[in-house]
Amino acid sequence: MKFLPLVAAAMLPLLAGGCIRTAASVVTFPVRAVGKTVDWTTTSQSESDRNYGRKMRKQEEREGRERKRAQKECREQHRQDC
């Protein structure tokens, strides 16, 4: 019976180490979750620039296709104002 308190005292740091780490994870989880949510809902300047550049390239491609189509139709109709 003398060994029981000694064994319990020896195992306490091993058991408490996991509990403390788990408790720290539980406490920091809401902060991390809010940080991730803010990252997902906001757009950084670099993301905004990238999206704007993509939008402009698509618009220029569309305008180029329309211009080529209009020139082709003009040539096919043998118009003088092409």
PDB file of N, CA and C in Angstrom:
ATOM      1  N   MET A   1       0.791  -1.188   0.000  1.00  0.00           N
ATOM      2  CA  MET A   1       0.000   0.000   0.000  1.00  0.00           C
ATOM      3  C   MET A   1       0.838   1.258   0.000  1.00  0.00           C
ATOM      4  N   LYS A   2       2.066   1.144   0.452  1.00  0.00           N
ATOM      5  CA  LYS A   2       2.920   2.319   0.456  1.00  0.00           C
ATOM      6  C   LYS A   2       3.285   2.741  -0.961  1.00  0.00           C
ATOM      7  N   PHE A   3       3.255   1.807  -1.879  1.00  0.00           N
ATOM      8  CA  PHE A   3       3.681   2.095  -3.249  1.00  0.00           C
ATOM      9  C   PHE A   3       2.595   2.791  -4.074  1.00  0.00           C
ATOM     10  N   LEU A   4       1.357   2.634  -3.702  1.00  0.00           N
ATOM     11  CA  LEU A   4       0.265   3.201  -4.478  1.00  0.00           C
ATOM     12  C   LEU A   4       0.360   4.726  -4.595  1.00  0.00           C
ATOM     13  N   PRO A   5       0.548   5.474  -3.523  1.00  0.00           N
ATOM     14  CA  PRO A   5       0.693   6.929  -3.681  1.00  0.00           C
ATOM     15  C   PRO A   5       1.951   7.298  -4.468  1.00  0.00           C
ATOM     16  N   LEU A   6       2.989   6.511  -4.318  1.00  0.00           N
ATOM     17  CA  LEU A   6       4.223   6.790  -5.046  1.00  0.00           C
ATOM     18  C   LEU A   6       4.041   6.565  -6.541  1.00  0.00           C
ATOM     19  N   VAL A   7       3.349   5.515  -6.927  1.00  0.00           N
ATOM     20  CA  VAL A   7       3.094   5.222  -8.332  1.00  0.00           C
ATOM     21  C   VAL A   7       2.189   6.300  -8.918  1.00  0.00           C
ATOM     22  N   ALA A   8       1.176   6.686  -8.173  1.00  0.00           N
ATOM     23  CA  ALA A   8       0.254   7.728  -8.635  1.00  0.00           C
ATOM     24  C   ALA A   8       1.002   9.051  -8.801  1.00  0.00           C
ATOM     25  N   ALA A   9       1.885   9.370  -7.896  1.00  0.00           N
ATOM     26  CA  ALA A   9       2.663  10.602  -7.988  1.00  0.00           C
ATOM     27  C   ALA A   9       3.626  10.556  -9.171  1.00  0.00           C
ATOM     28  N   ALA A  10       4.163   9.389  -9.471  1.00  0.00           N
ATOM     29  CA  ALA A  10       5.090   9.250 -10.585  1.00  0.00           C
ATOM     30  C   ALA A  10       4.356   9.357 -11.922  1.00  0.00           C
ATOM     31  N   MET A  11       3.127   8.899 -11.986  1.00  0.00           N
ATOM     32  CA  MET A  11       2.372   8.928 -13.237  1.00  0.00           C
ATOM     33  C   MET A  11       1.649  10.254 -13.464  1.00  0.00           C
ATOM     34  N   LEU A  12       1.510  11.069 -12.462  1.00  0.00           N
ATOM     35  CA  LEU A  12       0.776  12.326 -12.573  1.00  0.00           C
ATOM     36  C   LEU A  12       1.327  13.252 -13.661  1.00  0.00           C
ATOM     37  N   PRO A  13       2.635  13.465 -13.746  1.00  0.00           N
ATOM     38  CA  PRO A  13       3.131  14.341 -14.819  1.00  0.00           C
ATOM     39  C   PRO A  13       2.845  13.788 -16.213  1.00  0.00           C
ATOM     40  N   LEU A  14       2.895  12.470 -16.375  1.00  0.00           N
ATOM     41  CA  LEU A  14       2.608  11.877 -17.684  1.00  0.00           C
ATOM     42  C   LEU A  14       1.148  12.099 -18.074  1.00  0.00           C
ATOM     43  N   LEU A  15       0.264  11.927 -17.143  1.00  0.00           N
ATOM     44  CA  LEU A  15      -1.160  12.107 -17.416  1.00  0.00           C
ATOM     45  C   LEU A  15      -1.510  13.588 -17.576  1.00  0.00           C
ATOM     46  N   ALA A  16      -0.927  14.438 -16.770  1.00  0.00           N
ATOM     47  CA  ALA A  16      -1.242  15.865 -16.817  1.00  0.00           C
ATOM     48  C   ALA A  16      -0.690  16.509 -18.080  1.00  0.00           C
ATOM     49  N   GLY A  17       0.411  16.010 -18.606  1.00  0.00           N
ATOM     50  CA  GLY A  17       0.999  16.592 -19.816  1.00  0.00           C
ATOM     51  C   GLY A  17       0.038  16.532 -20.988  1.00  0.00           C
ATOM     52  N   GLY A  18      -0.621  15.431 -21.178  1.00  0.00           N
ATOM     53  CA  GLY A  18      -1.601  15.297 -22.248  1.00  0.00           C
ATOM     54  C   GLY A  18      -2.814  16.171 -22.009  1.00  0.00           C
ATOM     55  N   CYS A  19      -3.226  16.258 -20.764  1.00  0.00           N
ATOM     56  CA  CYS A  19      -4.401  17.069 -20.435  1.00  0.00           C
ATOM     57  C   CYS A  19      -4.126  18.545 -20.662  1.00  0.00           C
ATOM     58  N   ILE A  20      -2.964  18.991 -20.284  1.00  0.00           N
ATOM     59  CA  ILE A  20      -2.615  20.407 -20.453  1.00  0.00           C
ATOM     60  C   ILE A  20      -2.537  20.745 -21.936  1.00  0.00           C
ATOM     61  N   ARG A  21      -1.943  19.877 -22.706  1.00  0.00           N
ATOM     62  CA  ARG A  21      -1.832  20.108 -24.147  1.00  0.00           C
ATOM     63  C   ARG A  21      -3.217  20.136 -24.787  1.00  0.00           C
ATOM     64  N   THR A  22      -4.079  19.218 -24.370  1.00  0.00           N
ATOM     65  CA  THR A  22      -5.442  19.178 -24.897  1.00  0.00           C
ATOM     66  C   THR A  22      -6.208  20.423 -24.473  1.00  0.00           C
ATOM     67  N   ALA A  23      -6.052  20.830 -23.247  1.00  0.00           N
ATOM     68  CA  ALA A  23      -6.736  22.028 -22.758  1.00  0.00           C
ATOM     69  C   ALA A  23      -6.267  23.255 -23.536  1.00  0.00           C
ATOM     70  N   ALA A  24      -4.990  23.332 -23.827  1.00  0.00           N
ATOM     71  CA  ALA A  24      -4.475  24.459 -24.601  1.00  0.00           C
ATOM     72  C   ALA A  24      -5.044  24.451 -26.011  1.00  0.00           C
ATOM     73  N   SER A  25      -5.192  23.275 -26.591  1.00  0.00           N
ATOM     74  CA  SER A  25      -5.771  23.177 -27.932  1.00  0.00           C
ATOM     75  C   SER A  25      -7.228  23.612 -27.932  1.00  0.00           C
ATOM     76  N   VAL A  26      -7.949  23.216 -26.908  1.00  0.00           N
ATOM     77  CA  VAL A  26      -9.364  23.590 -26.815  1.00  0.00           C
ATOM     78  C   VAL A  26      -9.504  25.093 -26.641  1.00  0.00           C
ATOM     79  N   VAL A  27      -8.623  25.698 -25.867  1.00  0.00           N
ATOM     80  CA  VAL A  27      -8.691  27.137 -25.628  1.00  0.00           C
ATOM     81  C   VAL A  27      -8.326  27.921 -26.882  1.00  0.00           C
ATOM     82  N   THR A  28      -7.355  27.476 -27.646  1.00  0.00           N
ATOM     83  CA  THR A  28      -6.924  28.233 -28.821  1.00  0.00           C
ATOM     84  C   THR A  28      -7.759  27.943 -30.060  1.00  0.00           C
ATOM     85  N   PHE A  29      -8.595  26.915 -30.039  1.00  0.00           N
ATOM     86  CA  PHE A  29      -9.391  26.563 -31.210  1.00  0.00           C
ATOM     87  C   PHE A  29     -10.300  27.701 -31.688  1.00  0.00           C
ATOM     88  N   PRO A  30     -11.065  28.354 -30.815  1.00  0.00           N
ATOM     89  CA  PRO A  30     -11.937  29.436 -31.305  1.00  0.00           C
ATOM     90  C   PRO A  30     -11.161  30.564 -31.981  1.00  0.00           C
ATOM     91  N   VAL A  31      -9.999  30.884 -31.464  1.00  0.00           N
ATOM     92  CA  VAL A  31      -9.184  31.947 -32.061  1.00  0.00           C
ATOM     93  C   VAL A  31      -8.729  31.533 -33.454  1.00  0.00           C
ATOM     94  N   ARG A  32      -8.285  30.305 -33.599  1.00  0.00           N
ATOM     95  CA  ARG A  32      -7.846  29.811 -34.909  1.00  0.00           C
ATOM     96  C   ARG A  32      -9.017  29.747 -35.887  1.00  0.00           C
ATOM     97  N   ALA A  33     -10.171  29.317 -35.399  1.00  0.00           N
ATOM     98  CA  ALA A  33     -11.347  29.207 -36.265  1.00  0.00           C
ATOM     99  C   ALA A  33     -11.770  30.584 -36.775  1.00  0.00           C
ATOM    100  N   VAL A  34     -11.758  31.580 -35.909  1.00  0.00           N
ATOM    101  CA  VAL A  34     -12.120  32.942 -36.330  1.00  0.00           C
ATOM    102  C   VAL A  34     -11.095  33.463 -37.330  1.00  0.00           C
ATOM    103  N   GLY A  35      -9.831  33.193 -37.106  1.00  0.00           N
ATOM    104  CA  GLY A  35      -8.790  33.627 -38.046  1.00  0.00           C
ATOM    105  C   GLY A  35      -8.983  33.024 -39.422  1.00  0.00           C
ATOM    106  N   LYS A  36      -9.296  31.736 -39.482  1.00  0.00           N
ATOM    107  CA  LYS A  36      -9.533  31.070 -40.766  1.00  0.00           C
ATOM    108  C   LYS A  36     -10.760  31.662 -41.460  1.00  0.00           C
ATOM    109  N   THR A  37     -11.806  31.920 -40.688  1.00  0.00           N
ATOM    110  CA  THR A  37     -13.032  32.490 -41.258  1.00  0.00           C
ATOM    111  C   THR A  37     -12.761  33.861 -41.848  1.00  0.00           C
ATOM    112  N   VAL A  38     -11.989  34.664 -41.151  1.00  0.00           N
ATOM    113  CA  VAL A  38     -11.648  35.990 -41.658  1.00  0.00           C
ATOM    114  C   VAL A  38     -10.831  35.869 -42.936  1.00  0.00           C
ATOM    115  N   ASP A  39      -9.894  34.926 -42.984  1.00  0.00           N
ATOM    116  CA  ASP A  39      -9.095  34.710 -44.192  1.00  0.00           C
ATOM    117  C   ASP A  39      -9.971  34.298 -45.374  1.00  0.00           C
ATOM    118  N   TRP A  40     -10.959  33.464 -45.118  1.00  0.00           N
ATOM    119  CA  TRP A  40     -11.825  32.987 -46.197  1.00  0.00           C
ATOM    120  C   TRP A  40     -12.780  34.062 -46.691  1.00  0.00           C
ATOM    121  N   THR A  41     -13.204  34.974 -45.799  1.00  0.00           N
ATOM    122  CA  THR A  41     -14.214  35.952 -46.184  1.00  0.00           C
ATOM    123  C   THR A  41     -13.631  37.248 -46.720  1.00  0.00           C
ATOM    124  N   THR A  42     -12.380  37.503 -46.489  1.00  0.00           N
ATOM    125  CA  THR A  42     -11.785  38.745 -46.973  1.00  0.00           C
ATOM    126  C   THR A  42     -10.886  38.453 -48.170  1.00  0.00           C
ATOM    127  N   THR A  43     -10.701  39.461 -48.991  1.00  0.00           N
ATOM    128  CA  THR A  43      -9.858  39.333 -50.173  1.00  0.00           C
ATOM    129  C   THR A  43      -8.646  40.241 -49.987  1.00  0.00           C
ATOM    130  N   SER A  44      -7.473  39.660 -50.110  1.00  0.00           N
ATOM    131  CA  SER A  44      -6.258  40.453 -49.971  1.00  0.00           C
ATOM    132  C   SER A  44      -6.048  41.270 -51.239  1.00  0.00           C
ATOM    133  N   GLN A  45      -5.144  42.206 -51.162  1.00  0.00           N
ATOM    134  CA  GLN A  45      -4.856  43.063 -52.319  1.00  0.00           C
ATOM    135  C   GLN A  45      -4.295  42.241 -53.473  1.00  0.00           C
ATOM    136  N   SER A  46      -3.443  41.275 -53.177  1.00  0.00           N
ATOM    137  CA  SER A  46      -2.873  40.453 -54.252  1.00  0.00           C
ATOM    138  C   SER A  46      -3.955  39.596 -54.916  1.00  0.00           C
ATOM    139  N   GLU A  47      -4.889  39.064 -54.122  1.00  0.00           N
ATOM    140  CA  GLU A  47      -5.990  38.303 -54.709  1.00  0.00           C
ATOM    141  C   GLU A  47      -6.869  39.198 -55.570  1.00  0.00           C
ATOM    142  N   SER A  48      -7.106  40.399 -55.098  1.00  0.00           N
ATOM    143  CA  SER A  48      -7.918  41.351 -55.847  1.00  0.00           C
ATOM    144  C   SER A  48      -7.244  41.704 -57.169  1.00  0.00           C
ATOM    145  N   ASP A  49      -5.946  41.956 -57.136  1.00  0.00           N
ATOM    146  CA  ASP A  49      -5.197  42.271 -58.353  1.00  0.00           C
ATOM    147  C   ASP A  49      -5.223  41.099 -59.333  1.00  0.00           C
ATOM    148  N   ARG A  50      -5.050  39.901 -58.820  1.00  0.00           N
ATOM    149  CA  ARG A  50      -5.049  38.712 -59.663  1.00  0.00           C
ATOM    150  C   ARG A  50      -6.418  38.522 -60.323  1.00  0.00           C
ATOM    151  N   ASN A  51      -7.480  38.695 -59.542  1.00  0.00           N
ATOM    152  CA  ASN A  51      -8.829  38.537 -60.087  1.00  0.00           C
ATOM    153  C   ASN A  51      -9.126  39.612 -61.132  1.00  0.00           C
ATOM    154  N   TYR A  52      -8.681  40.852 -60.883  1.00  0.00           N
ATOM    155  CA  TYR A  52      -8.902  41.931 -61.843  1.00  0.00           C
ATOM    156  C   TYR A  52      -8.143  41.654 -63.139  1.00  0.00           C
ATOM    157  N   GLY A  53      -6.914  41.194 -63.028  1.00  0.00           N
ATOM    158  CA  GLY A  53      -6.120  40.861 -64.207  1.00  0.00           C
ATOM    159  C   GLY A  53      -6.767  39.761 -65.023  1.00  0.00           C
ATOM    160  N   ARG A  54      -7.279  38.749 -64.358  1.00  0.00           N
ATOM    161  CA  ARG A  54      -7.963  37.645 -65.051  1.00  0.00           C
ATOM    162  C   ARG A  54      -9.201  38.169 -65.776  1.00  0.00           C
ATOM    163  N   LYS A  55      -9.957  39.021 -65.105  1.00  0.00           N
ATOM    164  CA  LYS A  55     -11.164  39.592 -65.700  1.00  0.00           C
ATOM    165  C   LYS A  55     -10.822  40.417 -66.938  1.00  0.00           C
ATOM    166  N   MET A  56      -9.772  41.216 -66.865  1.00  0.00           N
ATOM    167  CA  MET A  56      -9.381  42.058 -67.998  1.00  0.00           C
ATOM    168  C   MET A  56      -8.879  41.209 -69.166  1.00  0.00           C
ATOM    169  N   ARG A  57      -8.117  40.155 -68.900  1.00  0.00           N
ATOM    170  CA  ARG A  57      -7.647  39.276 -69.979  1.00  0.00           C
ATOM    171  C   ARG A  57      -8.813  38.613 -70.697  1.00  0.00           C
ATOM    172  N   LYS A  58      -9.797  38.149 -69.934  1.00  0.00           N
ATOM    173  CA  LYS A  58     -10.962  37.528 -70.557  1.00  0.00           C
ATOM    174  C   LYS A  58     -11.730  38.540 -71.405  1.00  0.00           C
ATOM    175  N   GLN A  59     -11.845  39.755 -70.913  1.00  0.00           N
ATOM    176  CA  GLN A  59     -12.544  40.796 -71.663  1.00  0.00           C
ATOM    177  C   GLN A  59     -11.796  41.118 -72.956  1.00  0.00           C
ATOM    178  N   GLU A  60     -10.469  41.229 -72.882  1.00  0.00           N
ATOM    179  CA  GLU A  60      -9.675  41.508 -74.080  1.00  0.00           C
ATOM    180  C   GLU A  60      -9.775  40.366 -75.092  1.00  0.00           C
ATOM    181  N   GLU A  61      -9.788  39.129 -74.608  1.00  0.00           N
ATOM    182  CA  GLU A  61      -9.944  37.988 -75.515  1.00  0.00           C
ATOM    183  C   GLU A  61     -11.301  38.040 -76.217  1.00  0.00           C
ATOM    184  N   ARG A  62     -12.332  38.354 -75.457  1.00  0.00           N
ATOM    185  CA  ARG A  62     -13.675  38.435 -76.024  1.00  0.00           C
ATOM    186  C   ARG A  62     -13.752  39.546 -77.076  1.00  0.00           C
ATOM    187  N   GLU A  63     -13.180  40.712 -76.762  1.00  0.00           N
ATOM    188  CA  GLU A  63     -13.175  41.826 -77.710  1.00  0.00           C
ATOM    189  C   GLU A  63     -12.387  41.478 -78.969  1.00  0.00           C
ATOM    190  N   GLY A  64     -11.277  40.763 -78.810  1.00  0.00           N
ATOM    191  CA  GLY A  64     -10.473  40.351 -79.954  1.00  0.00           C
ATOM    192  C   GLY A  64     -11.241  39.410 -80.876  1.00  0.00           C
ATOM    193  N   ARG A  65     -11.937  38.447 -80.270  1.00  0.00           N
ATOM    194  CA  ARG A  65     -12.755  37.526 -81.078  1.00  0.00           C
ATOM    195  C   ARG A  65     -13.856  38.275 -81.824  1.00  0.00           C
ATOM    196  N   GLU A  66     -14.495  39.220 -81.150  1.00  0.00           N
ATOM    197  CA  GLU A  66     -15.559  39.998 -81.797  1.00  0.00           C
ATOM    198  C   GLU A  66     -15.006  40.846 -82.946  1.00  0.00           C
ATOM    199  N   ARG A  67     -13.830  41.423 -82.729  1.00  0.00           N
ATOM    200  CA  ARG A  67     -13.198  42.249 -83.770  1.00  0.00           C
ATOM    201  C   ARG A  67     -12.849  41.395 -84.991  1.00  0.00           C
ATOM    202  N   LYS A  68     -12.293  40.213 -84.766  1.00  0.00           N
ATOM    203  CA  LYS A  68     -11.955  39.315 -85.880  1.00  0.00           C
ATOM    204  C   LYS A  68     -13.213  38.881 -86.634  1.00  0.00           C
ATOM    205  N   ARG A  69     -14.260  38.560 -85.893  1.00  0.00           N
ATOM    206  CA  ARG A  69     -15.510  38.143 -86.516  1.00  0.00           C
ATOM    207  C   ARG A  69     -16.087  39.281 -87.366  1.00  0.00           C
ATOM    208  N   ALA A  70     -16.042  40.504 -86.842  1.00  0.00           N
ATOM    209  CA  ALA A  70     -16.570  41.655 -87.588  1.00  0.00           C
ATOM    210  C   ALA A  70     -15.746  41.904 -88.849  1.00  0.00           C
ATOM    211  N   GLN A  71     -14.412  41.786 -88.778  1.00  0.00           N
ATOM    212  CA  GLN A  71     -13.564  41.987 -89.955  1.00  0.00           C
ATOM    213  C   GLN A  71     -13.820  40.902 -91.002  1.00  0.00           C
ATOM    214  N   LYS A  72     -14.015  39.673 -90.539  1.00  0.00           N
ATOM    215  CA  LYS A  72     -14.285  38.571 -91.466  1.00  0.00           C
ATOM    216  C   LYS A  72     -15.610  38.798 -92.195  1.00  0.00           C
ATOM    217  N   GLU A  73     -16.627  39.200 -91.464  1.00  0.00           N
ATOM    218  CA  GLU A  73     -17.928  39.480 -92.084  1.00  0.00           C
ATOM    219  C   GLU A  73     -17.819  40.636 -93.077  1.00  0.00           C
ATOM    220  N   CYS A  74     -17.038  41.626 -92.710  1.00  0.00           N
ATOM    221  CA  CYS A  74     -16.861  42.785 -93.584  1.00  0.00           C
ATOM    222  C   CYS A  74     -16.192  42.365 -94.891  1.00  0.00           C
ATOM    223  N   ARG A  75     -15.156  41.538 -94.795  1.00  0.00           N
ATOM    224  CA  ARG A  75     -14.476  41.077 -96.003  1.00  0.00           C
ATOM    225  C   ARG A  75     -15.379  40.217 -96.875  1.00  0.00           C
ATOM    226  N   GLU A  76     -16.171  39.360 -96.206  1.00  0.00           N
ATOM    227  CA  GLU A  76     -17.069  38.475 -96.951  1.00  0.00           C
ATOM    228  C   GLU A  76     -18.141  39.260 -97.706  1.00  0.00           C
ATOM    229  N   GLN A  77     -18.531  40.389 -97.158  1.00  0.00           N
ATOM    230  CA  GLN A  77     -19.570  41.210 -97.806  1.00  0.00           C
ATOM    231  C   GLN A  77     -18.963  42.197 -98.816  1.00  0.00           C
ATOM    232  N   HIS A  78     -17.649  42.222 -98.951  1.00  0.00           N
ATOM    233  CA  HIS A  78     -16.920  43.082 -99.880  1.00  0.00           C
ATOM    234  C   HIS A  78     -17.292  44.566 -99.677  1.00  0.00           C
ATOM    235  N   ARG A  79     -17.370  44.951 -98.421  1.00  0.00           N
ATOM    236  CA  ARG A  79     -17.680  46.352 -98.116  1.00  0.00           C
ATOM    237  C   ARG A  79     -16.409  47.182 -98.211  1.00  0.00           C
ATOM    238  N   GLN A  80     -16.566  48.460 -98.514  1.00  0.00           N
ATOM    239  CA  GLN A  80     -15.419  49.359 -98.673  1.00  0.00           C
ATOM    240  C   GLN A  80     -14.965  49.964 -97.336  1.00  0.00           C
ATOM    241  N   ASP A  81     -15.797  49.963 -96.331  1.00  0.00           N
ATOM    242  CA  ASP A  81     -15.461  50.617 -95.068  1.00  0.00           C
ATOM    243  C   ASP A  81     -14.760  49.690 -94.075  1.00  0.00           C
ATOM    244  N   CYS A  82     -14.230  48.583 -94.491  1.00  0.00           N
ATOM    245  CA  CYS A  82     -13.576  47.620 -93.592  1.00  0.00           C
ATOM    246  C   CYS A  82     -12.236  48.128 -93.135  1.00  0.00           C
TER     247      CYS A  82
END
